[in-house]
Amino acid sequence: METEFKITRRNRELLDDYFEKYSIEELNKIPEGFRNNLIWNIGHIIVSQQILVYKGTNQHLLVSDELVSLYARGTAPHRDISPSEAVELRNLLHALVQKTEDDYNGGVFTTYNARKSEMGFDLSTVEDAIAFNNHHEALHLGIMMQLRKFI
């Protein structure tokens, strides 16, 4: 699992670069023809990881219900986020990866509610969920790479 966490950390570093390279206005911009923006994708990645890993193992999510309602699957941006909200998301990008790794290594995840992802992947273990999460994050990073061309 060391490799999976290494991949997650590197992906999160790539996502963190968006906070350096784009203003809050640019992070919030929804380009024509798209239904979301850069910052929504970051929030979605954070919330999805929590749902895949923590909810899937019957653990409490480490993000608020409000974040889940803003960024869960099927949502879309309905308002611009503030600079302080962007800082919160940026902090969660890194803190939650470390917490998940610590929890994994500490044996917190003892069961997993097996299911099939929306993309058809069988998720039978927390290891499956962590690996699938990396795939999911990479997809959204690709979407963000497209979005940035229109900002």
C-alpha atoms as a PDB file:
ATOM      1  CA  MET A   1       0.000   0.000   0.000  1.00  0.00           C
ATOM      2  CA  GLU A   2       2.994   2.267   0.294  1.00  0.00           C
ATOM      3  CA  THR A   3       2.902   2.799  -3.477  1.00  0.00           C
ATOM      4  CA  GLU A   4      -0.809   3.642  -3.448  1.00  0.00           C
ATOM      5  CA  PHE A   5      -0.294   6.299  -0.776  1.00  0.00           C
ATOM      6  CA  LYS A   6       2.737   7.632  -2.629  1.00  0.00           C
ATOM      7  CA  ILE A   7       0.582   8.034  -5.748  1.00  0.00           C
ATOM      8  CA  THR A   8      -2.134   9.789  -3.736  1.00  0.00           C
ATOM      9  CA  ARG A   9       0.365  12.190  -2.154  1.00  0.00           C
ATOM     10  CA  ARG A  10       1.872  13.040  -5.550  1.00  0.00           C
ATOM     11  CA  ASN A  11      -1.545  13.633  -7.085  1.00  0.00           C
ATOM     12  CA  ARG A  12      -2.433  15.913  -4.186  1.00  0.00           C
ATOM     13  CA  GLU A  13       0.783  17.884  -4.790  1.00  0.00           C
ATOM     14  CA  LEU A  14      -0.293  18.379  -8.407  1.00  0.00           C
ATOM     15  CA  LEU A  15      -3.706  19.555  -7.209  1.00  0.00           C
ATOM     16  CA  ASP A  16      -2.088  21.904  -4.704  1.00  0.00           C
ATOM     17  CA  ASP A  17      -0.340  23.671  -7.595  1.00  0.00           C
ATOM     18  CA  TYR A  18      -3.719  24.984  -8.743  1.00  0.00           C
ATOM     19  CA  PHE A  19      -3.932  27.088  -5.577  1.00  0.00           C
ATOM     20  CA  GLU A  20      -0.590  28.669  -6.491  1.00  0.00           C
ATOM     21  CA  LYS A  21      -1.252  29.220 -10.186  1.00  0.00           C
ATOM     22  CA  TYR A  22      -4.881  30.404 -10.178  1.00  0.00           C
ATOM     23  CA  SER A  23      -6.722  33.187  -8.408  1.00  0.00           C
ATOM     24  CA  ILE A  24      -9.897  32.522  -6.425  1.00  0.00           C
ATOM     25  CA  GLU A  25     -11.837  33.986  -9.355  1.00  0.00           C
ATOM     26  CA  GLU A  26     -10.180  31.577 -11.769  1.00  0.00           C
ATOM     27  CA  LEU A  27     -10.703  28.615  -9.432  1.00  0.00           C
ATOM     28  CA  ASN A  28     -14.416  29.479  -9.313  1.00  0.00           C
ATOM     29  CA  LYS A  29     -14.873  30.111 -13.055  1.00  0.00           C
ATOM     30  CA  ILE A  30     -17.088  27.646 -14.911  1.00  0.00           C
ATOM     31  CA  PRO A  31     -16.014  27.806 -18.555  1.00  0.00           C
ATOM     32  CA  GLU A  32     -18.668  27.718 -21.232  1.00  0.00           C
ATOM     33  CA  GLY A  33     -19.629  24.152 -22.046  1.00  0.00           C
ATOM     34  CA  PHE A  34     -18.623  22.805 -18.624  1.00  0.00           C
ATOM     35  CA  ARG A  35     -20.780  22.158 -15.559  1.00  0.00           C
ATOM     36  CA  ASN A  36     -18.134  22.614 -12.889  1.00  0.00           C
ATOM     37  CA  ASN A  37     -14.898  24.413 -12.115  1.00  0.00           C
ATOM     38  CA  LEU A  38     -11.397  23.783 -10.802  1.00  0.00           C
ATOM     39  CA  ILE A  39     -12.262  24.206  -7.145  1.00  0.00           C
ATOM     40  CA  TRP A  40     -15.328  21.957  -7.366  1.00  0.00           C
ATOM     41  CA  ASN A  41     -13.129  19.177  -8.737  1.00  0.00           C
ATOM     42  CA  ILE A  42     -10.744  19.563  -5.796  1.00  0.00           C
ATOM     43  CA  GLY A  43     -13.617  19.486  -3.300  1.00  0.00           C
ATOM     44  CA  HIS A  44     -15.103  16.481  -5.084  1.00  0.00           C
ATOM     45  CA  ILE A  45     -11.814  14.596  -4.898  1.00  0.00           C
ATOM     46  CA  ILE A  46     -11.598  15.234  -1.144  1.00  0.00           C
ATOM     47  CA  VAL A  47     -15.185  14.172  -0.441  1.00  0.00           C
ATOM     48  CA  SER A  48     -15.041  11.142  -2.739  1.00  0.00           C
ATOM     49  CA  GLN A  49     -11.952   9.798  -0.977  1.00  0.00           C
ATOM     50  CA  GLN A  50     -13.738  10.089   2.335  1.00  0.00           C
ATOM     51  CA  ILE A  51     -16.813   8.285   1.038  1.00  0.00           C
ATOM     52  CA  LEU A  52     -14.834   5.548  -0.695  1.00  0.00           C
ATOM     53  CA  VAL A  53     -12.546   4.807   2.231  1.00  0.00           C
ATOM     54  CA  TYR A  54     -14.174   5.966   5.456  1.00  0.00           C
ATOM     55  CA  LYS A  55     -17.843   5.435   4.677  1.00  0.00           C
ATOM     56  CA  GLY A  56     -16.965   2.179   2.966  1.00  0.00           C
ATOM     57  CA  THR A  57     -15.357   0.947   6.187  1.00  0.00           C
ATOM     58  CA  ASN A  58     -18.144   2.239   8.453  1.00  0.00           C
ATOM     59  CA  GLN A  59     -15.935   4.979   9.901  1.00  0.00           C
ATOM     60  CA  HIS A  60     -16.977   8.574  10.495  1.00  0.00           C
ATOM     61  CA  LEU A  61     -16.092  10.924   7.673  1.00  0.00           C
ATOM     62  CA  LEU A  62     -13.369  13.436   8.466  1.00  0.00           C
ATOM     63  CA  VAL A  63     -15.136  16.157   6.499  1.00  0.00           C
ATOM     64  CA  SER A  64     -18.309  18.036   7.357  1.00  0.00           C
ATOM     65  CA  ASP A  65     -21.766  17.156   6.085  1.00  0.00           C
ATOM     66  CA  GLU A  66     -21.730  20.574   4.411  1.00  0.00           C
ATOM     67  CA  LEU A  67     -18.686  19.641   2.323  1.00  0.00           C
ATOM     68  CA  VAL A  68     -20.341  16.374   1.358  1.00  0.00           C
ATOM     69  CA  SER A  69     -23.484  18.222   0.253  1.00  0.00           C
ATOM     70  CA  LEU A  70     -21.394  20.628  -1.859  1.00  0.00           C
ATOM     71  CA  TYR A  71     -19.033  18.155  -3.522  1.00  0.00           C
ATOM     72  CA  ALA A  72     -20.517  14.644  -3.543  1.00  0.00           C
ATOM     73  CA  ARG A  73     -21.243  12.824  -6.780  1.00  0.00           C
ATOM     74  CA  GLY A  74     -24.087  14.465  -8.671  1.00  0.00           C
ATOM     75  CA  THR A  75     -23.495  17.951  -7.295  1.00  0.00           C
ATOM     76  CA  ALA A  76     -22.348  21.025  -9.186  1.00  0.00           C
ATOM     77  CA  PRO A  77     -21.166  24.452  -8.065  1.00  0.00           C
ATOM     78  CA  HIS A  78     -24.072  26.682  -7.129  1.00  0.00           C
ATOM     79  CA  ARG A  79     -22.012  29.598  -5.813  1.00  0.00           C
ATOM     80  CA  ASP A  80     -18.461  30.870  -5.734  1.00  0.00           C
ATOM     81  CA  ILE A  81     -16.417  29.708  -2.774  1.00  0.00           C
ATOM     82  CA  SER A  82     -14.600  32.216  -0.595  1.00  0.00           C
ATOM     83  CA  PRO A  83     -10.843  32.466  -0.121  1.00  0.00           C
ATOM     84  CA  SER A  84     -11.209  30.976   3.369  1.00  0.00           C
ATOM     85  CA  GLU A  85     -13.102  27.987   1.940  1.00  0.00           C
ATOM     86  CA  ALA A  86     -10.311  27.511  -0.595  1.00  0.00           C
ATOM     87  CA  VAL A  87      -7.768  27.490   2.240  1.00  0.00           C
ATOM     88  CA  GLU A  88      -9.824  24.831   4.033  1.00  0.00           C
ATOM     89  CA  LEU A  89      -9.884  22.621   0.928  1.00  0.00           C
ATOM     90  CA  ARG A  90      -6.168  23.128   0.385  1.00  0.00           C
ATOM     91  CA  ASN A  91      -5.424  22.051   3.948  1.00  0.00           C
ATOM     92  CA  LEU A  92      -7.659  18.993   3.636  1.00  0.00           C
ATOM     93  CA  LEU A  93      -5.887  17.894   0.446  1.00  0.00           C
ATOM     94  CA  HIS A  94      -2.800  16.935   2.429  1.00  0.00           C
ATOM     95  CA  ALA A  95      -4.050  16.327   5.954  1.00  0.00           C
ATOM     96  CA  LEU A  96      -6.571  13.697   4.938  1.00  0.00           C
ATOM     97  CA  VAL A  97      -4.055  11.663   2.955  1.00  0.00           C
ATOM     98  CA  GLN A  98      -1.754  11.474   5.977  1.00  0.00           C
ATOM     99  CA  LYS A  99      -4.653  10.656   8.294  1.00  0.00           C
ATOM    100  CA  THR A 100      -5.864   7.896   5.960  1.00  0.00           C
ATOM    101  CA  GLU A 101      -2.392   6.393   5.758  1.00  0.00           C
ATOM    102  CA  ASP A 102      -2.036   6.546   9.552  1.00  0.00           C
ATOM    103  CA  ASP A 103      -5.459   4.950  10.006  1.00  0.00           C
ATOM    104  CA  TYR A 104      -4.653   2.241   7.470  1.00  0.00           C
ATOM    105  CA  ASN A 105      -1.331   1.436   9.118  1.00  0.00           C
ATOM    106  CA  GLY A 106      -3.004   1.574  12.531  1.00  0.00           C
ATOM    107  CA  GLY A 107      -5.547  -1.087  11.581  1.00  0.00           C
ATOM    108  CA  VAL A 108      -8.588   1.196  11.767  1.00  0.00           C
ATOM    109  CA  PHE A 109     -10.135  -0.254   8.595  1.00  0.00           C
ATOM    110  CA  THR A 110     -11.167  -3.771   9.578  1.00  0.00           C
ATOM    111  CA  THR A 111     -14.128  -4.326   7.241  1.00  0.00           C
ATOM    112  CA  TYR A 112     -15.338  -3.025   3.912  1.00  0.00           C
ATOM    113  CA  ASN A 113     -18.848  -2.824   2.500  1.00  0.00           C
ATOM    114  CA  ALA A 114     -18.233  -4.432  -0.883  1.00  0.00           C
ATOM    115  CA  ARG A 115     -19.842  -2.737  -3.836  1.00  0.00           C
ATOM    116  CA  LYS A 116     -19.401  -1.930  -7.483  1.00  0.00           C
ATOM    117  CA  SER A 117     -18.314   1.612  -8.289  1.00  0.00           C
ATOM    118  CA  GLU A 118     -20.311   3.762 -10.678  1.00  0.00           C
ATOM    119  CA  MET A 119     -17.610   2.952 -13.247  1.00  0.00           C
ATOM    120  CA  GLY A 120     -18.047  -0.786 -12.799  1.00  0.00           C
ATOM    121  CA  PHE A 121     -15.027  -1.518 -10.594  1.00  0.00           C
ATOM    122  CA  ASP A 122     -15.518  -4.145  -7.895  1.00  0.00           C
ATOM    123  CA  LEU A 123     -14.564  -2.712  -4.523  1.00  0.00           C
ATOM    124  CA  SER A 124     -14.258  -5.560  -2.031  1.00  0.00           C
ATOM    125  CA  THR A 125     -11.600  -4.264   0.351  1.00  0.00           C
ATOM    126  CA  VAL A 126     -10.285  -0.980   1.643  1.00  0.00           C
ATOM    127  CA  GLU A 127      -7.219  -1.624  -0.518  1.00  0.00           C
ATOM    128  CA  ASP A 128      -9.493  -1.761  -3.565  1.00  0.00           C
ATOM    129  CA  ALA A 129     -11.090   1.518  -2.497  1.00  0.00           C
ATOM    130  CA  ILE A 130      -7.740   3.248  -2.038  1.00  0.00           C
ATOM    131  CA  ALA A 131      -6.508   2.027  -5.429  1.00  0.00           C
ATOM    132  CA  PHE A 132      -9.767   3.037  -7.125  1.00  0.00           C
ATOM    133  CA  ASN A 133      -9.569   6.427  -5.430  1.00  0.00           C
ATOM    134  CA  ASN A 134      -6.241   7.030  -7.196  1.00  0.00           C
ATOM    135  CA  HIS A 135      -7.901   6.224 -10.519  1.00  0.00           C
ATOM    136  CA  HIS A 136     -10.781   8.566  -9.692  1.00  0.00           C
ATOM    137  CA  GLU A 137      -8.442  11.391  -8.680  1.00  0.00           C
ATOM    138  CA  ALA A 138      -6.453  10.985 -11.895  1.00  0.00           C
ATOM    139  CA  LEU A 139      -9.647  11.293 -13.940  1.00  0.00           C
ATOM    140  CA  HIS A 140     -10.527  14.546 -12.211  1.00  0.00           C
ATOM    141  CA  LEU A 141      -6.992  15.868 -12.592  1.00  0.00           C
ATOM    142  CA  GLY A 142      -7.418  15.259 -16.322  1.00  0.00           C
ATOM    143  CA  ILE A 143     -10.694  17.161 -16.298  1.00  0.00           C
ATOM    144  CA  MET A 144      -8.965  20.021 -14.499  1.00  0.00           C
ATOM    145  CA  MET A 145      -6.209  20.047 -17.100  1.00  0.00           C
ATOM    146  CA  GLN A 146      -8.917  20.575 -19.727  1.00  0.00           C
ATOM    147  CA  LEU A 147     -10.753  23.213 -17.687  1.00  0.00           C
ATOM    148  CA  ARG A 148      -7.628  25.315 -17.214  1.00  0.00           C
ATOM    149  CA  LYS A 149      -7.326  25.774 -20.972  1.00  0.00           C
ATOM    150  CA  PHE A 150     -10.535  27.826 -20.895  1.00  0.00           C
ATOM    151  CA  ILE A 151      -9.770  30.038 -17.914  1.00  0.00           C
END
